[in-house]
Amino acid sequence: MRRSTAEIVREYGPFSGVEQVAGVTYDGKDVWFAAGDKLQALDPASGQVLRSLDVAAHAGTAFDGEHLFQLAEDRIQKIDPKTGHVIATIRAPGRGGDSGLTWAEGTLWVGQYRDRKIHQIDPQTGAILRTIESNRFVTGVTWVDGDLWHGTWEGDESDLRRVDPRTGEVLESVELPPRVNVSGLESDGRDQFFCGGARSGKIRVVRRPRRDGKG
């Protein structure tokens, strides 16, 4: 397994009125983050919060190219980002123990925090299609360039892991500094990860290591 130390290239926040940042996603323009009773949209260039949606937002957040998906207690809400209306709801696989959320291959991928699992689920029915085991508490999940990454948070330690999506084998670990925790994870589709910072109220940007090991 390849190991490296996280390069944090930018921090956003803390944000006014936000006690905790949970899930994060990226729609190609704005970073959306879950803030308890709101979903907020952040301009990554200016660091300003542009708008918010009044929806329950307790854990992972995802974007399928048109709609937002948001974990709220024991359910996953499908949300119109233009209006904030919840247009569909399915039961979350962890029944309230869910953490990260991302969209890939036409399906949702859901982290299970204390169960140390990631489920691939049908976005229409919530049926579990595949389950991957981890050996640490799972937080955010994301896909980039055909690779599955997830965050971990156990004690005061967090890392970002690239794993085999078939077996769960850890292929790479990017270690965060002590007491810098990851509560949500999303790729920008290029060379950066957006990481929810839990009770710090921050979003951190971590550079994704190159596969050739040169940074």
N, C-alpha and C. Protein backbone atom coordinates (compact mmCIF):
# COMPACT_ATOMS: atom_id res chain seq x y z
N MET A 1 0.84 -1.21 0.00
CA MET A 1 0.00 0.00 0.00
C MET A 1 0.88 1.25 0.00
N ARG A 2 0.50 2.20 -0.84
CA ARG A 2 1.23 3.46 -0.90
C ARG A 2 0.71 4.41 0.16
N ARG A 3 1.63 5.08 0.88
CA ARG A 3 1.25 6.05 1.92
C ARG A 3 1.85 7.41 1.61
N SER A 4 1.11 8.46 1.98
CA SER A 4 1.63 9.82 1.85
C SER A 4 0.94 10.70 2.89
N THR A 5 1.48 11.90 3.06
CA THR A 5 0.90 12.89 3.97
C THR A 5 0.07 13.87 3.17
N ALA A 6 -1.11 14.20 3.67
CA ALA A 6 -2.02 15.08 2.96
C ALA A 6 -1.42 16.48 2.80
N GLU A 7 -1.57 17.01 1.60
CA GLU A 7 -1.21 18.40 1.33
C GLU A 7 -2.50 19.22 1.30
N ILE A 8 -2.74 19.98 2.37
CA ILE A 8 -3.94 20.82 2.46
C ILE A 8 -3.62 22.14 1.76
N VAL A 9 -4.32 22.42 0.67
CA VAL A 9 -3.98 23.59 -0.15
C VAL A 9 -4.89 24.79 0.12
N ARG A 10 -6.04 24.56 0.78
CA ARG A 10 -6.93 25.69 1.09
C ARG A 10 -7.92 25.26 2.17
N GLU A 11 -8.38 26.24 2.94
CA GLU A 11 -9.44 26.02 3.93
C GLU A 11 -10.52 27.07 3.73
N TYR A 12 -11.77 26.64 3.85
CA TYR A 12 -12.92 27.55 3.85
C TYR A 12 -13.61 27.46 5.21
N GLY A 13 -14.16 28.60 5.67
CA GLY A 13 -14.87 28.60 6.93
C GLY A 13 -13.95 28.91 8.11
N PRO A 14 -14.50 28.82 9.35
CA PRO A 14 -15.88 28.40 9.64
C PRO A 14 -16.92 29.40 9.11
N PHE A 15 -18.14 28.89 8.92
CA PHE A 15 -19.21 29.67 8.31
C PHE A 15 -20.21 30.13 9.36
N SER A 16 -20.74 31.30 9.18
CA SER A 16 -21.69 31.87 10.13
C SER A 16 -22.91 30.96 10.28
N GLY A 17 -23.24 30.65 11.55
CA GLY A 17 -24.42 29.85 11.84
C GLY A 17 -24.27 28.36 11.59
N VAL A 18 -23.07 27.91 11.19
CA VAL A 18 -22.85 26.49 10.89
C VAL A 18 -22.02 25.87 12.02
N GLU A 19 -22.62 24.94 12.75
CA GLU A 19 -21.91 24.29 13.86
C GLU A 19 -21.08 23.11 13.38
N GLN A 20 -21.48 22.51 12.27
CA GLN A 20 -20.80 21.31 11.81
C GLN A 20 -20.98 21.17 10.31
N VAL A 21 -19.90 20.80 9.62
CA VAL A 21 -19.96 20.47 8.19
C VAL A 21 -19.94 18.96 8.06
N ALA A 22 -20.97 18.42 7.43
CA ALA A 22 -21.05 16.97 7.24
C ALA A 22 -20.70 16.63 5.79
N GLY A 23 -21.69 16.20 5.00
CA GLY A 23 -21.42 15.81 3.63
C GLY A 23 -21.05 16.98 2.74
N VAL A 24 -20.28 16.67 1.68
CA VAL A 24 -19.95 17.67 0.67
C VAL A 24 -20.09 17.05 -0.71
N THR A 25 -20.49 17.87 -1.69
CA THR A 25 -20.50 17.44 -3.08
C THR A 25 -20.17 18.63 -3.96
N TYR A 26 -19.94 18.36 -5.23
CA TYR A 26 -19.50 19.40 -6.16
C TYR A 26 -20.32 19.25 -7.45
N ASP A 27 -20.93 20.35 -7.90
CA ASP A 27 -21.77 20.28 -9.09
C ASP A 27 -21.06 20.80 -10.35
N GLY A 28 -19.74 20.96 -10.26
CA GLY A 28 -18.97 21.49 -11.37
C GLY A 28 -18.75 22.98 -11.28
N LYS A 29 -19.51 23.62 -10.40
CA LYS A 29 -19.37 25.07 -10.18
C LYS A 29 -19.27 25.40 -8.70
N ASP A 30 -20.23 24.90 -7.91
CA ASP A 30 -20.29 25.19 -6.48
C ASP A 30 -20.07 23.92 -5.66
N VAL A 31 -19.55 24.11 -4.45
CA VAL A 31 -19.44 23.04 -3.47
C VAL A 31 -20.66 23.13 -2.56
N TRP A 32 -21.45 22.07 -2.51
CA TRP A 32 -22.60 22.00 -1.61
C TRP A 32 -22.18 21.26 -0.34
N PHE A 33 -22.61 21.77 0.82
CA PHE A 33 -22.27 21.06 2.05
C PHE A 33 -23.47 21.00 2.99
N ALA A 34 -23.53 19.88 3.71
CA ALA A 34 -24.61 19.63 4.65
C ALA A 34 -24.31 20.31 5.97
N ALA A 35 -25.28 21.09 6.46
CA ALA A 35 -25.08 21.87 7.68
C ALA A 35 -26.25 21.71 8.65
N GLY A 36 -26.70 20.47 8.83
CA GLY A 36 -27.75 20.20 9.81
C GLY A 36 -29.15 20.39 9.27
N ASP A 37 -29.62 21.63 9.28
CA ASP A 37 -30.96 21.91 8.79
C ASP A 37 -30.95 22.65 7.46
N LYS A 38 -29.76 22.72 6.83
CA LYS A 38 -29.64 23.41 5.54
C LYS A 38 -28.58 22.72 4.67
N LEU A 39 -28.78 22.86 3.36
CA LEU A 39 -27.74 22.57 2.39
C LEU A 39 -27.24 23.91 1.87
N GLN A 40 -25.94 24.14 1.92
CA GLN A 40 -25.41 25.43 1.52
C GLN A 40 -24.48 25.27 0.32
N ALA A 41 -24.50 26.28 -0.57
CA ALA A 41 -23.68 26.27 -1.77
C ALA A 41 -22.54 27.28 -1.61
N LEU A 42 -21.31 26.80 -1.74
CA LEU A 42 -20.11 27.60 -1.57
C LEU A 42 -19.44 27.83 -2.92
N ASP A 43 -19.07 29.06 -3.21
CA ASP A 43 -18.27 29.37 -4.38
C ASP A 43 -16.81 29.06 -4.05
N PRO A 44 -16.20 28.05 -4.67
CA PRO A 44 -14.83 27.68 -4.27
C PRO A 44 -13.79 28.72 -4.67
N ALA A 45 -14.12 29.60 -5.57
CA ALA A 45 -13.16 30.65 -5.95
C ALA A 45 -13.09 31.74 -4.90
N SER A 46 -14.26 32.24 -4.47
CA SER A 46 -14.30 33.35 -3.51
C SER A 46 -14.38 32.89 -2.06
N GLY A 47 -14.85 31.66 -1.82
CA GLY A 47 -15.05 31.18 -0.46
C GLY A 47 -16.33 31.68 0.17
N GLN A 48 -17.21 32.30 -0.63
CA GLN A 48 -18.46 32.84 -0.13
C GLN A 48 -19.60 31.84 -0.28
N VAL A 49 -20.48 31.79 0.73
CA VAL A 49 -21.70 31.00 0.62
C VAL A 49 -22.70 31.79 -0.21
N LEU A 50 -23.16 31.19 -1.30
CA LEU A 50 -24.01 31.89 -2.26
C LEU A 50 -25.49 31.73 -1.97
N ARG A 51 -25.88 30.54 -1.51
CA ARG A 51 -27.30 30.30 -1.25
C ARG A 51 -27.44 29.09 -0.36
N SER A 52 -28.65 28.88 0.16
CA SER A 52 -28.90 27.71 0.99
C SER A 52 -30.30 27.18 0.72
N LEU A 53 -30.46 25.89 0.96
CA LEU A 53 -31.75 25.22 0.82
C LEU A 53 -32.19 24.73 2.19
N ASP A 54 -33.45 24.97 2.53
CA ASP A 54 -33.97 24.56 3.84
C ASP A 54 -34.42 23.10 3.79
N VAL A 55 -33.45 22.20 3.89
CA VAL A 55 -33.73 20.76 3.92
C VAL A 55 -32.87 20.12 5.01
N ALA A 56 -33.35 19.03 5.58
CA ALA A 56 -32.56 18.30 6.57
C ALA A 56 -31.31 17.75 5.90
N ALA A 57 -30.15 17.99 6.51
CA ALA A 57 -28.87 17.64 5.89
C ALA A 57 -27.90 17.21 6.98
N HIS A 58 -27.95 15.92 7.35
CA HIS A 58 -27.24 15.44 8.52
C HIS A 58 -25.94 14.70 8.21
N ALA A 59 -25.78 14.23 6.98
CA ALA A 59 -24.58 13.45 6.67
C ALA A 59 -24.24 13.65 5.20
N GLY A 60 -23.98 12.55 4.46
CA GLY A 60 -23.46 12.64 3.11
C GLY A 60 -24.35 13.34 2.10
N THR A 61 -23.69 13.93 1.10
CA THR A 61 -24.34 14.69 0.04
C THR A 61 -23.78 14.22 -1.30
N ALA A 62 -24.62 14.16 -2.34
CA ALA A 62 -24.17 13.73 -3.67
C ALA A 62 -24.89 14.53 -4.74
N PHE A 63 -24.34 14.48 -5.96
CA PHE A 63 -24.92 15.18 -7.12
C PHE A 63 -24.79 14.27 -8.33
N ASP A 64 -25.91 14.07 -9.05
CA ASP A 64 -25.90 13.15 -10.19
C ASP A 64 -25.82 13.86 -11.54
N GLY A 65 -25.55 15.16 -11.53
CA GLY A 65 -25.54 15.94 -12.75
C GLY A 65 -26.78 16.78 -12.91
N GLU A 66 -27.83 16.45 -12.15
CA GLU A 66 -29.08 17.20 -12.20
C GLU A 66 -29.68 17.44 -10.83
N HIS A 67 -29.66 16.43 -9.98
CA HIS A 67 -30.28 16.50 -8.66
C HIS A 67 -29.24 16.32 -7.55
N LEU A 68 -29.55 16.87 -6.39
CA LEU A 68 -28.78 16.61 -5.18
C LEU A 68 -29.42 15.44 -4.44
N PHE A 69 -28.58 14.65 -3.78
CA PHE A 69 -29.04 13.60 -2.88
C PHE A 69 -28.46 13.89 -1.50
N GLN A 70 -29.30 13.76 -0.48
CA GLN A 70 -28.88 14.16 0.86
C GLN A 70 -29.34 13.16 1.90
N LEU A 71 -28.38 12.68 2.72
CA LEU A 71 -28.73 11.84 3.85
C LEU A 71 -29.35 12.69 4.96
N ALA A 72 -30.49 12.22 5.45
CA ALA A 72 -31.19 12.90 6.54
C ALA A 72 -31.73 11.81 7.47
N GLU A 73 -31.07 11.64 8.61
CA GLU A 73 -31.41 10.58 9.57
C GLU A 73 -31.39 9.22 8.85
N ASP A 74 -32.55 8.56 8.70
CA ASP A 74 -32.57 7.20 8.15
C ASP A 74 -33.03 7.15 6.70
N ARG A 75 -32.94 8.30 5.99
CA ARG A 75 -33.44 8.33 4.61
C ARG A 75 -32.49 9.11 3.71
N ILE A 76 -32.65 8.90 2.40
CA ILE A 76 -31.91 9.67 1.40
C ILE A 76 -32.93 10.47 0.60
N GLN A 77 -32.75 11.78 0.58
CA GLN A 77 -33.67 12.67 -0.13
C GLN A 77 -33.08 13.04 -1.49
N LYS A 78 -33.92 13.03 -2.52
CA LYS A 78 -33.55 13.52 -3.84
C LYS A 78 -34.13 14.93 -3.98
N ILE A 79 -33.27 15.90 -4.26
CA ILE A 79 -33.64 17.31 -4.13
C ILE A 79 -33.41 18.06 -5.44
N ASP A 80 -34.36 18.90 -5.81
CA ASP A 80 -34.19 19.81 -6.93
C ASP A 80 -33.34 20.99 -6.44
N PRO A 81 -32.12 21.17 -6.96
CA PRO A 81 -31.26 22.24 -6.43
C PRO A 81 -31.75 23.65 -6.78
N LYS A 82 -32.64 23.76 -7.75
CA LYS A 82 -33.16 25.08 -8.12
C LYS A 82 -34.20 25.57 -7.12
N THR A 83 -35.03 24.63 -6.62
CA THR A 83 -36.14 25.01 -5.75
C THR A 83 -35.97 24.56 -4.30
N GLY A 84 -35.13 23.55 -4.08
CA GLY A 84 -34.98 22.97 -2.75
C GLY A 84 -36.06 21.96 -2.42
N HIS A 85 -36.94 21.65 -3.37
CA HIS A 85 -38.02 20.69 -3.11
C HIS A 85 -37.47 19.26 -3.08
N VAL A 86 -37.93 18.48 -2.11
CA VAL A 86 -37.60 17.06 -2.04
C VAL A 86 -38.57 16.34 -2.97
N ILE A 87 -38.05 15.72 -4.04
CA ILE A 87 -38.92 15.12 -5.05
C ILE A 87 -39.03 13.60 -4.91
N ALA A 88 -38.18 12.99 -4.11
CA ALA A 88 -38.27 11.55 -3.85
C ALA A 88 -37.47 11.24 -2.60
N THR A 89 -37.83 10.14 -1.95
CA THR A 89 -37.13 9.69 -0.74
C THR A 89 -37.01 8.17 -0.76
N ILE A 90 -35.85 7.65 -0.40
CA ILE A 90 -35.68 6.22 -0.21
C ILE A 90 -35.06 5.97 1.17
N ARG A 91 -35.23 4.77 1.65
CA ARG A 91 -34.65 4.41 2.94
C ARG A 91 -33.15 4.20 2.79
N ALA A 92 -32.38 4.76 3.72
CA ALA A 92 -30.93 4.59 3.70
C ALA A 92 -30.57 3.20 4.22
N PRO A 93 -29.53 2.57 3.67
CA PRO A 93 -29.22 1.19 4.06
C PRO A 93 -28.82 1.02 5.51
N GLY A 94 -28.21 2.05 6.11
CA GLY A 94 -27.76 1.95 7.49
C GLY A 94 -28.80 2.34 8.51
N ARG A 95 -30.01 2.72 8.03
CA ARG A 95 -31.12 3.08 8.92
C ARG A 95 -30.71 4.12 9.95
N GLY A 96 -29.92 5.11 9.52
CA GLY A 96 -29.50 6.17 10.43
C GLY A 96 -28.04 6.11 10.82
N GLY A 97 -27.35 5.02 10.48
CA GLY A 97 -25.91 4.91 10.75
C GLY A 97 -25.08 5.25 9.53
N ASP A 98 -25.69 5.93 8.58
CA ASP A 98 -25.03 6.23 7.31
C ASP A 98 -24.15 7.47 7.44
N SER A 99 -23.13 7.54 6.58
CA SER A 99 -22.18 8.66 6.66
C SER A 99 -22.03 9.31 5.29
N GLY A 100 -21.07 8.85 4.47
CA GLY A 100 -20.80 9.46 3.18
C GLY A 100 -21.79 9.05 2.11
N LEU A 101 -21.80 9.85 1.02
CA LEU A 101 -22.70 9.59 -0.10
C LEU A 101 -22.06 10.13 -1.37
N THR A 102 -22.10 9.34 -2.45
CA THR A 102 -21.63 9.84 -3.74
C THR A 102 -22.38 9.14 -4.85
N TRP A 103 -22.27 9.70 -6.05
CA TRP A 103 -22.94 9.17 -7.24
C TRP A 103 -21.87 8.68 -8.21
N ALA A 104 -22.04 7.47 -8.73
CA ALA A 104 -21.12 6.94 -9.74
C ALA A 104 -21.78 5.75 -10.43
N GLU A 105 -21.49 5.59 -11.70
CA GLU A 105 -21.98 4.44 -12.47
C GLU A 105 -23.51 4.32 -12.43
N GLY A 106 -24.20 5.47 -12.33
CA GLY A 106 -25.65 5.45 -12.30
C GLY A 106 -26.24 4.97 -11.00
N THR A 107 -25.42 4.89 -9.95
CA THR A 107 -25.88 4.42 -8.65
C THR A 107 -25.35 5.32 -7.54
N LEU A 108 -25.90 5.13 -6.34
CA LEU A 108 -25.41 5.81 -5.15
C LEU A 108 -24.50 4.87 -4.36
N TRP A 109 -23.47 5.46 -3.77
CA TRP A 109 -22.56 4.73 -2.89
C TRP A 109 -22.66 5.38 -1.51
N VAL A 110 -22.90 4.56 -0.49
CA VAL A 110 -23.22 5.07 0.84
C VAL A 110 -22.24 4.49 1.86
N GLY A 111 -21.58 5.37 2.61
CA GLY A 111 -20.72 4.91 3.70
C GLY A 111 -21.53 4.56 4.93
N GLN A 112 -21.06 3.54 5.65
CA GLN A 112 -21.65 3.13 6.93
C GLN A 112 -20.58 3.36 7.98
N TYR A 113 -20.78 4.36 8.82
CA TYR A 113 -19.72 4.82 9.71
C TYR A 113 -19.21 3.71 10.63
N ARG A 114 -19.97 3.37 11.64
CA ARG A 114 -19.48 2.40 12.63
C ARG A 114 -19.49 0.97 12.12
N ASP A 115 -20.28 0.67 11.10
CA ASP A 115 -20.28 -0.67 10.51
C ASP A 115 -19.08 -0.90 9.60
N ARG A 116 -18.35 0.19 9.30
CA ARG A 116 -17.12 0.09 8.50
C ARG A 116 -17.39 -0.56 7.14
N LYS A 117 -18.40 -0.04 6.46
CA LYS A 117 -18.79 -0.60 5.16
C LYS A 117 -19.11 0.53 4.19
N ILE A 118 -19.09 0.17 2.89
CA ILE A 118 -19.61 1.03 1.83
C ILE A 118 -20.56 0.19 1.01
N HIS A 119 -21.78 0.71 0.81
CA HIS A 119 -22.78 0.02 0.00
C HIS A 119 -22.99 0.75 -1.32
N GLN A 120 -23.08 0.00 -2.40
CA GLN A 120 -23.57 0.53 -3.66
C GLN A 120 -25.07 0.21 -3.71
N ILE A 121 -25.91 1.24 -3.94
CA ILE A 121 -27.34 0.99 -3.88
C ILE A 121 -28.05 1.52 -5.13
N ASP A 122 -29.21 0.95 -5.39
CA ASP A 122 -30.08 1.41 -6.47
C ASP A 122 -30.72 2.74 -6.04
N PRO A 123 -30.56 3.81 -6.81
CA PRO A 123 -31.08 5.12 -6.38
C PRO A 123 -32.61 5.23 -6.43
N GLN A 124 -33.25 4.29 -7.11
CA GLN A 124 -34.71 4.31 -7.18
C GLN A 124 -35.35 3.57 -6.01
N THR A 125 -34.74 2.44 -5.62
CA THR A 125 -35.36 1.57 -4.62
C THR A 125 -34.60 1.50 -3.29
N GLY A 126 -33.31 1.84 -3.31
CA GLY A 126 -32.49 1.68 -2.12
C GLY A 126 -31.92 0.29 -1.95
N ALA A 127 -32.20 -0.63 -2.91
CA ALA A 127 -31.70 -2.00 -2.82
C ALA A 127 -30.18 -2.01 -2.87
N ILE A 128 -29.56 -2.82 -2.00
CA ILE A 128 -28.10 -2.93 -1.94
C ILE A 128 -27.61 -3.82 -3.08
N LEU A 129 -26.70 -3.28 -3.90
CA LEU A 129 -26.16 -4.01 -5.05
C LEU A 129 -24.80 -4.63 -4.75
N ARG A 130 -24.04 -4.00 -3.86
CA ARG A 130 -22.69 -4.46 -3.53
C ARG A 130 -22.31 -3.89 -2.19
N THR A 131 -21.49 -4.63 -1.44
CA THR A 131 -20.99 -4.14 -0.15
C THR A 131 -19.49 -4.36 -0.06
N ILE A 132 -18.78 -3.32 0.36
CA ILE A 132 -17.34 -3.37 0.55
C ILE A 132 -17.04 -3.16 2.03
N GLU A 133 -16.14 -3.96 2.57
CA GLU A 133 -15.77 -3.86 3.98
C GLU A 133 -14.53 -2.98 4.14
N SER A 134 -14.48 -2.23 5.25
CA SER A 134 -13.30 -1.46 5.62
C SER A 134 -12.85 -1.90 7.02
N ASN A 135 -11.64 -1.52 7.40
CA ASN A 135 -11.19 -1.84 8.77
C ASN A 135 -11.14 -0.59 9.65
N ARG A 136 -11.72 0.51 9.16
CA ARG A 136 -11.83 1.73 9.97
C ARG A 136 -13.20 2.34 9.76
N PHE A 137 -13.59 3.23 10.67
CA PHE A 137 -14.87 3.92 10.53
C PHE A 137 -14.87 4.70 9.22
N VAL A 138 -15.93 4.55 8.44
CA VAL A 138 -16.04 5.17 7.11
C VAL A 138 -16.83 6.47 7.20
N THR A 139 -16.27 7.53 6.59
CA THR A 139 -17.02 8.79 6.50
C THR A 139 -17.37 9.04 5.03
N GLY A 140 -16.78 10.08 4.41
CA GLY A 140 -17.15 10.42 3.05
C GLY A 140 -16.67 9.40 2.03
N VAL A 141 -17.37 9.36 0.88
CA VAL A 141 -16.98 8.50 -0.24
C VAL A 141 -17.05 9.32 -1.53
N THR A 142 -16.15 9.01 -2.48
CA THR A 142 -16.18 9.69 -3.78
C THR A 142 -15.49 8.82 -4.82
N TRP A 143 -15.80 9.08 -6.07
CA TRP A 143 -15.14 8.44 -7.21
C TRP A 143 -14.43 9.50 -8.02
N VAL A 144 -13.26 9.17 -8.59
CA VAL A 144 -12.56 10.06 -9.52
C VAL A 144 -11.65 9.21 -10.40
N ASP A 145 -11.71 9.44 -11.69
CA ASP A 145 -10.89 8.71 -12.66
C ASP A 145 -10.98 7.20 -12.49
N GLY A 146 -12.18 6.71 -12.22
CA GLY A 146 -12.39 5.27 -12.07
C GLY A 146 -11.93 4.70 -10.75
N ASP A 147 -11.50 5.56 -9.82
CA ASP A 147 -11.03 5.10 -8.51
C ASP A 147 -12.04 5.45 -7.42
N LEU A 148 -12.26 4.52 -6.50
CA LEU A 148 -13.09 4.75 -5.33
C LEU A 148 -12.22 5.17 -4.16
N TRP A 149 -12.55 6.33 -3.56
CA TRP A 149 -11.86 6.84 -2.38
C TRP A 149 -12.87 6.98 -1.25
N HIS A 150 -12.40 6.81 -0.03
CA HIS A 150 -13.26 7.12 1.12
C HIS A 150 -12.44 7.72 2.25
N GLY A 151 -13.13 8.50 3.08
CA GLY A 151 -12.51 9.06 4.27
C GLY A 151 -12.69 8.15 5.46
N THR A 152 -11.78 8.27 6.41
CA THR A 152 -11.92 7.55 7.68
C THR A 152 -11.80 8.55 8.82
N TRP A 153 -12.35 8.15 9.95
CA TRP A 153 -12.25 8.99 11.15
C TRP A 153 -12.41 8.08 12.35
N GLU A 154 -11.33 7.89 13.07
CA GLU A 154 -11.36 7.03 14.25
C GLU A 154 -10.44 7.63 15.28
N GLY A 155 -11.00 7.94 16.46
CA GLY A 155 -10.21 8.66 17.45
C GLY A 155 -9.92 10.06 16.92
N ASP A 156 -8.67 10.45 16.97
CA ASP A 156 -8.24 11.75 16.44
C ASP A 156 -7.54 11.61 15.10
N GLU A 157 -7.71 10.47 14.44
CA GLU A 157 -6.99 10.22 13.20
C GLU A 157 -7.95 10.06 12.02
N SER A 158 -7.58 10.68 10.89
CA SER A 158 -8.33 10.53 9.65
C SER A 158 -7.36 10.34 8.50
N ASP A 159 -7.79 9.58 7.50
CA ASP A 159 -7.05 9.53 6.25
C ASP A 159 -8.03 9.38 5.09
N LEU A 160 -7.51 9.58 3.88
CA LEU A 160 -8.25 9.35 2.65
C LEU A 160 -7.68 8.10 2.01
N ARG A 161 -8.56 7.17 1.63
CA ARG A 161 -8.08 5.89 1.13
C ARG A 161 -8.61 5.60 -0.27
N ARG A 162 -7.71 5.18 -1.13
CA ARG A 162 -8.12 4.64 -2.43
C ARG A 162 -8.22 3.14 -2.27
N VAL A 163 -9.38 2.59 -2.61
CA VAL A 163 -9.62 1.17 -2.38
C VAL A 163 -10.08 0.48 -3.66
N ASP A 164 -9.86 -0.82 -3.71
CA ASP A 164 -10.36 -1.64 -4.79
C ASP A 164 -11.88 -1.76 -4.64
N PRO A 165 -12.67 -1.30 -5.61
CA PRO A 165 -14.13 -1.30 -5.44
C PRO A 165 -14.75 -2.69 -5.46
N ARG A 166 -13.96 -3.70 -5.79
CA ARG A 166 -14.49 -5.07 -5.77
C ARG A 166 -14.21 -5.76 -4.44
N THR A 167 -13.01 -5.52 -3.90
CA THR A 167 -12.59 -6.26 -2.71
C THR A 167 -12.48 -5.40 -1.46
N GLY A 168 -12.36 -4.08 -1.63
CA GLY A 168 -12.15 -3.21 -0.48
C GLY A 168 -10.70 -3.10 -0.07
N GLU A 169 -9.79 -3.79 -0.78
CA GLU A 169 -8.36 -3.71 -0.45
C GLU A 169 -7.90 -2.26 -0.52
N VAL A 170 -7.14 -1.83 0.51
CA VAL A 170 -6.62 -0.47 0.54
C VAL A 170 -5.39 -0.39 -0.35
N LEU A 171 -5.45 0.46 -1.38
CA LEU A 171 -4.36 0.61 -2.33
C LEU A 171 -3.48 1.81 -2.01
N GLU A 172 -4.07 2.81 -1.35
CA GLU A 172 -3.34 4.05 -1.06
C GLU A 172 -3.97 4.73 0.14
N SER A 173 -3.13 5.35 0.97
CA SER A 173 -3.59 6.09 2.14
C SER A 173 -2.93 7.46 2.17
N VAL A 174 -3.76 8.50 2.29
CA VAL A 174 -3.28 9.88 2.41
C VAL A 174 -3.65 10.35 3.81
N GLU A 175 -2.67 10.53 4.67
CA GLU A 175 -2.92 10.76 6.09
C GLU A 175 -3.06 12.24 6.41
N LEU A 176 -4.15 12.58 7.10
CA LEU A 176 -4.38 13.95 7.57
C LEU A 176 -3.60 14.19 8.86
N PRO A 177 -3.30 15.45 9.21
CA PRO A 177 -2.65 15.72 10.49
C PRO A 177 -3.53 15.29 11.67
N PRO A 178 -2.94 15.02 12.83
CA PRO A 178 -3.73 14.67 14.01
C PRO A 178 -4.79 15.73 14.30
N ARG A 179 -5.99 15.25 14.69
CA ARG A 179 -7.12 16.09 15.06
C ARG A 179 -7.70 16.89 13.89
N VAL A 180 -7.27 16.58 12.67
CA VAL A 180 -7.92 17.14 11.48
C VAL A 180 -8.79 16.03 10.90
N ASN A 181 -10.08 16.12 11.16
CA ASN A 181 -10.99 15.02 10.85
C ASN A 181 -11.75 15.25 9.55
N VAL A 182 -12.11 14.14 8.92
CA VAL A 182 -12.83 14.16 7.65
C VAL A 182 -14.24 13.62 7.88
N SER A 183 -15.24 14.48 7.64
CA SER A 183 -16.63 14.05 7.81
C SER A 183 -17.35 13.88 6.47
N GLY A 184 -16.79 14.41 5.40
CA GLY A 184 -17.38 14.27 4.07
C GLY A 184 -16.26 14.37 3.05
N LEU A 185 -16.49 13.80 1.86
CA LEU A 185 -15.43 13.76 0.86
C LEU A 185 -16.03 13.86 -0.53
N GLU A 186 -15.43 14.71 -1.37
CA GLU A 186 -15.83 14.81 -2.77
C GLU A 186 -14.65 15.24 -3.61
N SER A 187 -14.51 14.67 -4.80
CA SER A 187 -13.49 15.09 -5.74
C SER A 187 -14.02 16.23 -6.61
N ASP A 188 -13.10 17.08 -7.07
CA ASP A 188 -13.49 18.10 -8.04
C ASP A 188 -13.41 17.57 -9.47
N GLY A 189 -13.15 16.26 -9.61
CA GLY A 189 -13.02 15.64 -10.92
C GLY A 189 -11.64 15.79 -11.51
N ARG A 190 -10.76 16.47 -10.79
CA ARG A 190 -9.41 16.69 -11.29
C ARG A 190 -8.41 16.27 -10.21
N ASP A 191 -7.72 17.24 -9.62
CA ASP A 191 -6.61 16.89 -8.71
C ASP A 191 -6.84 17.32 -7.28
N GLN A 192 -8.09 17.60 -6.90
CA GLN A 192 -8.34 18.05 -5.53
C GLN A 192 -9.54 17.33 -4.92
N PHE A 193 -9.48 17.16 -3.60
CA PHE A 193 -10.61 16.67 -2.81
C PHE A 193 -11.13 17.79 -1.92
N PHE A 194 -12.45 17.88 -1.81
CA PHE A 194 -13.09 18.73 -0.81
C PHE A 194 -13.44 17.84 0.38
N CYS A 195 -12.99 18.25 1.57
CA CYS A 195 -13.18 17.43 2.78
C CYS A 195 -13.98 18.21 3.82
N GLY A 196 -15.13 17.67 4.22
CA GLY A 196 -15.88 18.25 5.32
C GLY A 196 -15.09 18.13 6.61
N GLY A 197 -15.12 19.19 7.42
CA GLY A 197 -14.30 19.23 8.62
C GLY A 197 -15.06 19.07 9.92
N ALA A 198 -16.25 18.47 9.86
CA ALA A 198 -17.02 18.17 11.08
C ALA A 198 -17.20 19.40 11.96
N ARG A 199 -16.91 19.28 13.27
CA ARG A 199 -17.20 20.36 14.22
C ARG A 199 -16.25 21.55 14.09
N SER A 200 -15.22 21.43 13.28
CA SER A 200 -14.38 22.59 13.01
C SER A 200 -15.15 23.64 12.21
N GLY A 201 -16.23 23.21 11.55
CA GLY A 201 -17.01 24.11 10.72
C GLY A 201 -16.30 24.51 9.44
N LYS A 202 -15.28 23.75 9.05
CA LYS A 202 -14.49 24.10 7.87
C LYS A 202 -14.65 23.07 6.75
N ILE A 203 -14.29 23.51 5.55
CA ILE A 203 -14.09 22.62 4.42
C ILE A 203 -12.64 22.79 4.00
N ARG A 204 -11.93 21.67 3.90
CA ARG A 204 -10.53 21.72 3.51
C ARG A 204 -10.34 21.12 2.12
N VAL A 205 -9.41 21.68 1.38
CA VAL A 205 -9.07 21.17 0.06
C VAL A 205 -7.74 20.43 0.15
N VAL A 206 -7.75 19.15 -0.23
CA VAL A 206 -6.55 18.31 -0.17
C VAL A 206 -6.17 17.92 -1.59
N ARG A 207 -4.90 18.07 -1.92
CA ARG A 207 -4.43 17.71 -3.25
C ARG A 207 -4.44 16.19 -3.41
N ARG A 208 -4.96 15.70 -4.52
CA ARG A 208 -4.95 14.27 -4.79
C ARG A 208 -3.59 13.86 -5.32
N PRO A 209 -2.93 12.88 -4.70
CA PRO A 209 -1.61 12.47 -5.18
C PRO A 209 -1.66 11.91 -6.60
N ARG A 210 -0.62 12.17 -7.35
CA ARG A 210 -0.51 11.59 -8.68
C ARG A 210 -0.17 10.13 -8.58
N ARG A 211 -0.63 9.36 -9.56
CA ARG A 211 -0.37 7.93 -9.54
C ARG A 211 1.10 7.60 -9.71
N ASP A 212 1.88 8.50 -10.35
CA ASP A 212 3.30 8.21 -10.55
C ASP A 212 4.14 8.52 -9.32
N GLY A 213 3.46 9.02 -8.24
CA GLY A 213 4.16 9.29 -6.99
C GLY A 213 4.97 10.56 -6.97
N LYS A 214 4.80 11.43 -7.97
CA LYS A 214 5.60 12.64 -8.05
C LYS A 214 4.88 13.87 -7.52
N GLY A 215 3.87 13.67 -6.69
CA GLY A 215 3.16 14.80 -6.08
C GLY A 215 1.72 14.84 -6.47
